[in-house]
C-alpha atoms as a PDB file:
ATOM      1  CA  UNK A   1      67.199  41.944 114.604  1.00  0.00           C
ATOM      2  CA  UNK A   2      64.284  44.497 113.887  1.00  0.00           C
ATOM      3  CA  UNK A   3      62.803  44.583 110.848  1.00  0.00           C
ATOM      4  CA  UNK A   4      61.631  48.153 110.918  1.00  0.00           C
ATOM      5  CA  UNK A   5      62.109  51.604 112.537  1.00  0.00           C
ATOM      6  CA  UNK A   6      60.137  54.640 111.812  1.00  0.00           C
ATOM      7  CA  UNK A   7      61.994  57.616 112.105  1.00  0.00           C
ATOM      8  CA  UNK A   8      62.026  61.544 111.391  1.00  0.00           C
ATOM      9  CA  UNK A   9      63.288  63.219 108.719  1.00  0.00           C
ATOM     10  CA  UNK A  10      63.556  66.300 106.006  1.00  0.00           C
ATOM     11  CA  UNK A  11      63.143  64.217 103.333  1.00  0.00           C
ATOM     12  CA  UNK A  12      62.715  60.595 101.836  1.00  0.00           C
ATOM     13  CA  UNK A  13      67.014  60.358 100.738  1.00  0.00           C
ATOM     14  CA  UNK A  14      67.846  61.204 104.302  1.00  0.00           C
ATOM     15  CA  UNK A  15      65.169  58.377 105.738  1.00  0.00           C
ATOM     16  CA  UNK A  16      67.091  56.223 103.339  1.00  0.00           C
ATOM     17  CA  UNK A  17      70.447  56.811 104.286  1.00  0.00           C
ATOM     18  CA  UNK A  18      69.618  56.505 108.141  1.00  0.00           C
ATOM     19  CA  UNK A  19      68.222  53.441 107.547  1.00  0.00           C
ATOM     20  CA  UNK A  20      70.921  51.675 106.182  1.00  0.00           C
ATOM     21  CA  UNK A  21      73.593  53.593 108.800  1.00  0.00           C
ATOM     22  CA  UNK A  22      70.712  51.788 111.290  1.00  0.00           C
ATOM     23  CA  UNK A  23      70.581  47.916 109.657  1.00  0.00           C
ATOM     24  CA  UNK A  24      73.883  48.161 108.330  1.00  0.00           C
ATOM     25  CA  UNK A  25      72.361  46.458 104.765  1.00  0.00           C
ATOM     26  CA  UNK A  26      71.974  48.033 101.318  1.00  0.00           C
ATOM     27  CA  UNK A  27      69.026  50.256 100.293  1.00  0.00           C
ATOM     28  CA  UNK A  28      67.789  47.985  97.886  1.00  0.00           C
ATOM     29  CA  UNK A  29      67.008  45.353 100.663  1.00  0.00           C
ATOM     30  CA  UNK A  30      64.946  48.489 102.341  1.00  0.00           C
ATOM     31  CA  UNK A  31      60.831  49.761 101.855  1.00  0.00           C
ATOM     32  CA  UNK A  32      60.473  53.057 102.900  1.00  0.00           C
ATOM     33  CA  UNK A  33      56.725  53.766 103.235  1.00  0.00           C
ATOM     34  CA  UNK A  34      55.578  58.442 104.245  1.00  0.00           C
ATOM     35  CA  UNK A  35      53.384  58.090 106.899  1.00  0.00           C
ATOM     36  CA  UNK A  36      53.501  61.922 106.932  1.00  0.00           C
ATOM     37  CA  UNK A  37      54.829  64.239 104.350  1.00  0.00           C
ATOM     38  CA  UNK A  38      57.299  67.313 105.785  1.00  0.00           C
ATOM     39  CA  UNK A  39      56.670  70.705 105.585  1.00  0.00           C
ATOM     40  CA  UNK A  40      58.841  72.990 103.727  1.00  0.00           C
ATOM     41  CA  UNK A  41      57.591  76.161 106.089  1.00  0.00           C
ATOM     42  CA  UNK A  42      57.717  80.386 105.491  1.00  0.00           C
ATOM     43  CA  UNK A  43      60.950  81.058 103.532  1.00  0.00           C
ATOM     44  CA  UNK A  44      62.214  77.802 103.890  1.00  0.00           C
ATOM     45  CA  UNK A  45      62.752  77.377 107.305  1.00  0.00           C
ATOM     46  CA  UNK A  46      60.058  78.727 109.439  1.00  0.00           C
ATOM     47  CA  UNK A  47      57.221  77.002 110.938  1.00  0.00           C
ATOM     48  CA  UNK A  48      59.371  73.465 108.201  1.00  0.00           C
ATOM     49  CA  UNK A  49      58.101  70.353 110.197  1.00  0.00           C
ATOM     50  CA  UNK A  50      60.061  66.693 109.199  1.00  0.00           C
ATOM     51  CA  UNK A  51      57.991  64.005 107.393  1.00  0.00           C
ATOM     52  CA  UNK A  52      57.262  60.671 109.716  1.00  0.00           C
ATOM     53  CA  UNK A  53      59.081  58.028 107.573  1.00  0.00           C
ATOM     54  CA  UNK A  54      58.955  53.860 108.219  1.00  0.00           C
ATOM     55  CA  UNK A  55      61.364  51.759 106.978  1.00  0.00           C
ATOM     56  CA  UNK A  56      61.492  47.894 106.717  1.00  0.00           C
ATOM     57  CA  UNK A  57      63.652  45.432 105.233  1.00  0.00           C
ATOM     58  CA  UNK A  58      62.885  43.120 101.876  1.00  0.00           C
ATOM     59  CA  UNK A  59      63.312  40.100 103.335  1.00  0.00           C
ATOM     60  CA  UNK A  60      65.879  38.181 100.869  1.00  0.00           C
ATOM     61  CA  UNK A  61      65.784  34.471  99.771  1.00  0.00           C
ATOM     62  CA  UNK A  62      68.397  33.865 102.512  1.00  0.00           C
ATOM     63  CA  UNK A  63      67.027  35.140 104.996  1.00  0.00           C
ATOM     64  CA  UNK A  64      63.797  33.435 104.191  1.00  0.00           C
ATOM     65  CA  UNK A  65      65.895  30.335 104.553  1.00  0.00           C
ATOM     66  CA  UNK A  66      67.877  31.775 107.703  1.00  0.00           C
ATOM     67  CA  UNK A  67      64.255  32.578 109.182  1.00  0.00           C
ATOM     68  CA  UNK A  68      62.684  28.685 108.427  1.00  0.00           C
ATOM     69  CA  UNK A  69      65.331  26.992 109.580  1.00  0.00           C
ATOM     70  CA  UNK A  70      65.590  29.135 112.536  1.00  0.00           C
ATOM     71  CA  UNK A  71      62.153  28.536 113.512  1.00  0.00           C
ATOM     72  CA  UNK A  72      62.707  24.717 112.896  1.00  0.00           C
ATOM     73  CA  UNK A  73      65.275  24.841 115.810  1.00  0.00           C
ATOM     74  CA  UNK A  74      63.755  27.523 118.025  1.00  0.00           C
ATOM     75  CA  UNK A  75      60.623  24.953 118.600  1.00  0.00           C
ATOM     76  CA  UNK A  76      62.591  22.227 119.078  1.00  0.00           C
ATOM     77  CA  UNK A  77      65.175  23.659 121.309  1.00  0.00           C
ATOM     78  CA  UNK A  78      68.107  23.080 119.547  1.00  0.00           C
ATOM     79  CA  UNK A  79      71.029  24.755 120.630  1.00  0.00           C
ATOM     80  CA  UNK A  80      72.590  25.123 117.031  1.00  0.00           C
ATOM     81  CA  UNK A  81      74.591  27.642 115.483  1.00  0.00           C
ATOM     82  CA  UNK A  82      73.280  28.172 111.570  1.00  0.00           C
ATOM     83  CA  UNK A  83      76.075  29.521 108.685  1.00  0.00           C
ATOM     84  CA  UNK A  84      74.501  30.300 105.260  1.00  0.00           C
ATOM     85  CA  UNK A  85      76.129  31.308 102.683  1.00  0.00           C
ATOM     86  CA  UNK A  86      75.705  31.694  98.334  1.00  0.00           C
ATOM     87  CA  UNK A  87      77.215  29.973  96.117  1.00  0.00           C
ATOM     88  CA  UNK A  88      76.620  30.676  92.513  1.00  0.00           C
ATOM     89  CA  UNK A  89      72.374  29.537  92.616  1.00  0.00           C
ATOM     90  CA  UNK A  90      72.798  27.665  95.281  1.00  0.00           C
ATOM     91  CA  UNK A  91      71.553  28.793  99.961  1.00  0.00           C
ATOM     92  CA  UNK A  92      73.538  26.737 101.352  1.00  0.00           C
ATOM     93  CA  UNK A  93      73.112  26.308 105.119  1.00  0.00           C
ATOM     94  CA  UNK A  94      74.979  24.480 107.605  1.00  0.00           C
ATOM     95  CA  UNK A  95      74.154  23.405 110.980  1.00  0.00           C
ATOM     96  CA  UNK A  96      76.067  22.537 113.785  1.00  0.00           C
ATOM     97  CA  UNK A  97      76.453  21.485 117.072  1.00  0.00           C
ATOM     98  CA  UNK A  98      75.902  18.707 119.159  1.00  0.00           C
ATOM     99  CA  UNK A  99      72.306  18.847 119.845  1.00  0.00           C
ATOM    100  CA  UNK A 100      71.977  18.840 116.495  1.00  0.00           C
ATOM    101  CA  UNK A 101      72.788  15.487 115.108  1.00  0.00           C
ATOM    102  CA  UNK A 102      70.107  13.662 116.035  1.00  0.00           C
ATOM    103  CA  UNK A 103      67.978  15.831 112.791  1.00  0.00           C
ATOM    104  CA  UNK A 104      70.011  13.914 110.320  1.00  0.00           C
ATOM    105  CA  UNK A 105      67.911  11.306 110.589  1.00  0.00           C
ATOM    106  CA  UNK A 106      68.116   7.533 109.607  1.00  0.00           C
ATOM    107  CA  UNK A 107      70.363   7.925 106.114  1.00  0.00           C
ATOM    108  CA  UNK A 108      69.770  11.906 106.172  1.00  0.00           C
ATOM    109  CA  UNK A 109      65.863  10.896 105.575  1.00  0.00           C
ATOM    110  CA  UNK A 110      65.295  13.810 108.292  1.00  0.00           C
ATOM    111  CA  UNK A 111      68.320  15.861 107.204  1.00  0.00           C
ATOM    112  CA  UNK A 112      66.859  15.374 103.508  1.00  0.00           C
ATOM    113  CA  UNK A 113      63.181  16.629 104.696  1.00  0.00           C
ATOM    114  CA  UNK A 114      64.037  19.675 106.418  1.00  0.00           C
ATOM    115  CA  UNK A 115      65.789  20.772 102.602  1.00  0.00           C
ATOM    116  CA  UNK A 116      62.659  20.510 101.142  1.00  0.00           C
ATOM    117  CA  UNK A 117      60.703  22.123 102.956  1.00  0.00           C
ATOM    118  CA  UNK A 118      63.153  25.589 103.559  1.00  0.00           C
ATOM    119  CA  UNK A 119      62.946  24.837  99.192  1.00  0.00           C
ATOM    120  CA  UNK A 120      59.777  25.169  99.779  1.00  0.00           C
ATOM    121  CA  UNK A 121      59.523  28.442 101.611  1.00  0.00           C
ATOM    122  CA  UNK A 122      61.728  29.874 100.114  1.00  0.00           C
ATOM    123  CA  UNK A 123      59.381  29.149  97.155  1.00  0.00           C
ATOM    124  CA  UNK A 124      56.175  29.803  98.767  1.00  0.00           C
ATOM    125  CA  UNK A 125      57.751  33.768  98.546  1.00  0.00           C
ATOM    126  CA  UNK A 126      59.831  34.325  95.385  1.00  0.00           C
ATOM    127  CA  UNK A 127      58.088  32.082  93.217  1.00  0.00           C
ATOM    128  CA  UNK A 128      60.203  32.485  90.657  1.00  0.00           C
ATOM    129  CA  UNK A 129      63.361  32.531  92.634  1.00  0.00           C
ATOM    130  CA  UNK A 130      65.963  29.911  90.541  1.00  0.00           C
ATOM    131  CA  UNK A 131      67.654  29.441  93.834  1.00  0.00           C
ATOM    132  CA  UNK A 132      67.962  25.905  95.249  1.00  0.00           C
ATOM    133  CA  UNK A 133      69.001  24.360  98.697  1.00  0.00           C
ATOM    134  CA  UNK A 134      71.293  22.903 100.165  1.00  0.00           C
ATOM    135  CA  UNK A 135      71.311  22.086 104.027  1.00  0.00           C
ATOM    136  CA  UNK A 136      73.940  20.203 105.619  1.00  0.00           C
ATOM    137  CA  UNK A 137      74.279  19.186 109.350  1.00  0.00           C
ATOM    138  CA  UNK A 138      77.315  18.947 110.792  1.00  0.00           C
ATOM    139  CA  UNK A 139      79.057  18.505 107.475  1.00  0.00           C
ATOM    140  CA  UNK A 140      76.814  14.681 107.629  1.00  0.00           C
ATOM    141  CA  UNK A 141      76.788  14.987 103.699  1.00  0.00           C
ATOM    142  CA  UNK A 142      80.124  15.891 102.567  1.00  0.00           C
ATOM    143  CA  UNK A 143      81.149  12.457 104.901  1.00  0.00           C
ATOM    144  CA  UNK A 144      78.556  10.549 103.351  1.00  0.00           C
ATOM    145  CA  UNK A 145      79.616  11.938  99.639  1.00  0.00           C
ATOM    146  CA  UNK A 146      83.205  10.053 100.927  1.00  0.00           C
ATOM    147  CA  UNK A 147      81.705   7.179 102.002  1.00  0.00           C
ATOM    148  CA  UNK A 148      79.986   7.095  98.474  1.00  0.00           C
ATOM    149  CA  UNK A 149      83.166   7.427  96.161  1.00  0.00           C
ATOM    150  CA  UNK A 150      83.858   4.560  98.123  1.00  0.00           C
ATOM    151  CA  UNK A 151      81.118   1.855  97.805  1.00  0.00           C
ATOM    152  CA  UNK A 152      81.309   3.219  94.542  1.00  0.00           C
ATOM    153  CA  UNK A 153      84.611   1.675  93.512  1.00  0.00           C
ATOM    154  CA  UNK A 154      83.845  -1.346  96.218  1.00  0.00           C
ATOM    155  CA  UNK A 155      80.954  -2.093  93.642  1.00  0.00           C
ATOM    156  CA  UNK A 156      82.185  -1.769  90.401  1.00  0.00           C
ATOM    157  CA  UNK A 157      85.242  -3.733  91.490  1.00  0.00           C
ATOM    158  CA  UNK A 158      82.544  -6.494  91.967  1.00  0.00           C
ATOM    159  CA  UNK A 159      80.428  -6.026  88.879  1.00  0.00           C
ATOM    160  CA  UNK A 160      83.885  -5.954  86.450  1.00  0.00           C
ATOM    161  CA  UNK A 161      84.663  -9.742  88.491  1.00  0.00           C
ATOM    162  CA  UNK A 162      81.290 -11.028  88.294  1.00  0.00           C
ATOM    163  CA  UNK A 163      79.809  -9.340  85.427  1.00  0.00           C
ATOM    164  CA  UNK A 164      76.113  -9.754  87.281  1.00  0.00           C
ATOM    165  CA  UNK A 165      73.646  -6.818  87.371  1.00  0.00           C
ATOM    166  CA  UNK A 166      73.939  -5.236  91.032  1.00  0.00           C
ATOM    167  CA  UNK A 167      70.935  -2.876  92.609  1.00  0.00           C
ATOM    168  CA  UNK A 168      71.303  -1.311  95.256  1.00  0.00           C
ATOM    169  CA  UNK A 169      70.267   0.089  98.204  1.00  0.00           C
ATOM    170  CA  UNK A 170      67.257   3.037  98.061  1.00  0.00           C
ATOM    171  CA  UNK A 171      69.197   6.377  98.198  1.00  0.00           C
ATOM    172  CA  UNK A 172      67.713   9.507  97.274  1.00  0.00           C
ATOM    173  CA  UNK A 173      68.448  11.195  94.433  1.00  0.00           C
ATOM    174  CA  UNK A 174      71.868  13.768  95.257  1.00  0.00           C
ATOM    175  CA  UNK A 175      73.623  10.245  96.683  1.00  0.00           C
ATOM    176  CA  UNK A 176      72.491   8.734  93.293  1.00  0.00           C
ATOM    177  CA  UNK A 177      73.790  11.313  90.985  1.00  0.00           C
ATOM    178  CA  UNK A 178      76.636  11.220  93.664  1.00  0.00           C
ATOM    179  CA  UNK A 179      76.474   7.555  92.392  1.00  0.00           C
ATOM    180  CA  UNK A 180      75.350   7.713  88.911  1.00  0.00           C
ATOM    181  CA  UNK A 181      79.211  10.189  88.249  1.00  0.00           C
ATOM    182  CA  UNK A 182      81.613   7.960  89.592  1.00  0.00           C
ATOM    183  CA  UNK A 183      80.434   4.928  87.746  1.00  0.00           C
ATOM    184  CA  UNK A 184      80.877   6.438  85.324  1.00  0.00           C
ATOM    185  CA  UNK A 185      84.581   6.892  84.664  1.00  0.00           C
ATOM    186  CA  UNK A 186      84.511   2.656  84.052  1.00  0.00           C
ATOM    187  CA  UNK A 187      84.309   2.225  80.874  1.00  0.00           C
ATOM    188  CA  UNK A 188      82.577  -1.831  81.135  1.00  0.00           C
ATOM    189  CA  UNK A 189      80.493   0.068  83.560  1.00  0.00           C
ATOM    190  CA  UNK A 190      76.691   1.428  82.961  1.00  0.00           C
ATOM    191  CA  UNK A 191      74.292   2.444  85.142  1.00  0.00           C
ATOM    192  CA  UNK A 192      70.412   3.727  85.356  1.00  0.00           C
ATOM    193  CA  UNK A 193      67.628   4.286  88.186  1.00  0.00           C
ATOM    194  CA  UNK A 194      64.925   2.248  88.321  1.00  0.00           C
ATOM    195  CA  UNK A 195      61.566   2.404  90.976  1.00  0.00           C
ATOM    196  CA  UNK A 196      59.849   5.534  92.111  1.00  0.00           C
ATOM    197  CA  UNK A 197      60.976   7.977  94.856  1.00  0.00           C
ATOM    198  CA  UNK A 198      61.612   7.433  98.095  1.00  0.00           C
ATOM    199  CA  UNK A 199      61.807   3.132  96.726  1.00  0.00           C
ATOM    200  CA  UNK A 200      64.572   4.470  93.896  1.00  0.00           C
ATOM    201  CA  UNK A 201      68.057   2.364  93.845  1.00  0.00           C
ATOM    202  CA  UNK A 202      70.790   2.409  91.179  1.00  0.00           C
ATOM    203  CA  UNK A 203      71.263  -0.637  89.319  1.00  0.00           C
ATOM    204  CA  UNK A 204      75.389  -1.696  88.317  1.00  0.00           C
ATOM    205  CA  UNK A 205      75.321  -3.460  85.118  1.00  0.00           C
ATOM    206  CA  UNK A 206      78.460  -4.663  83.175  1.00  0.00           C
ATOM    207  CA  UNK A 207      78.700  -4.480  78.920  1.00  0.00           C
ATOM    208  CA  UNK A 208      80.693  -4.995  76.506  1.00  0.00           C
ATOM    209  CA  UNK A 209      82.646  -2.411  74.732  1.00  0.00           C
END
């Protein structure tokens, strides 16, 4: 999609109206620059001349996130669709396509990197943005979340039975939060994290209430 048009119009207001229809977008996402002022002419019409304006799109946080992801897919020649939505202060990006699976990586590490880099790209332009980025590929994170919930139940049962401390595999912050949340439902279970990312793990211990 083009990001800039040059047009002639009787006024700045008219130029914006034309641009709104052209781009199919609201005025708040448009920036206008006067290249040449309009001339009214004698008696308001004789010798009058339309002004020349350049109207460009102002990139939103969603635009930046979408373009960054698209550039990654294009550079790697990955044929995939990108679906973006905003939920509260989260820009949610869902990538779907059979050839996109390799971008998940081992335990989602490549996917996490893509999400991190997309957030950096956003914050580089919108330094004060309160949006955070969530990227998923072929619903991997939702499936992983369900697996972690089942894993949490298994670990809780083991610790409650043996009353021994259980140190889990290294997990990213997102996965540790899921485990913390699930395990806090058990009265005799306490959890905490140890180590430094990316070698940070969850520790599950039995406590007497």
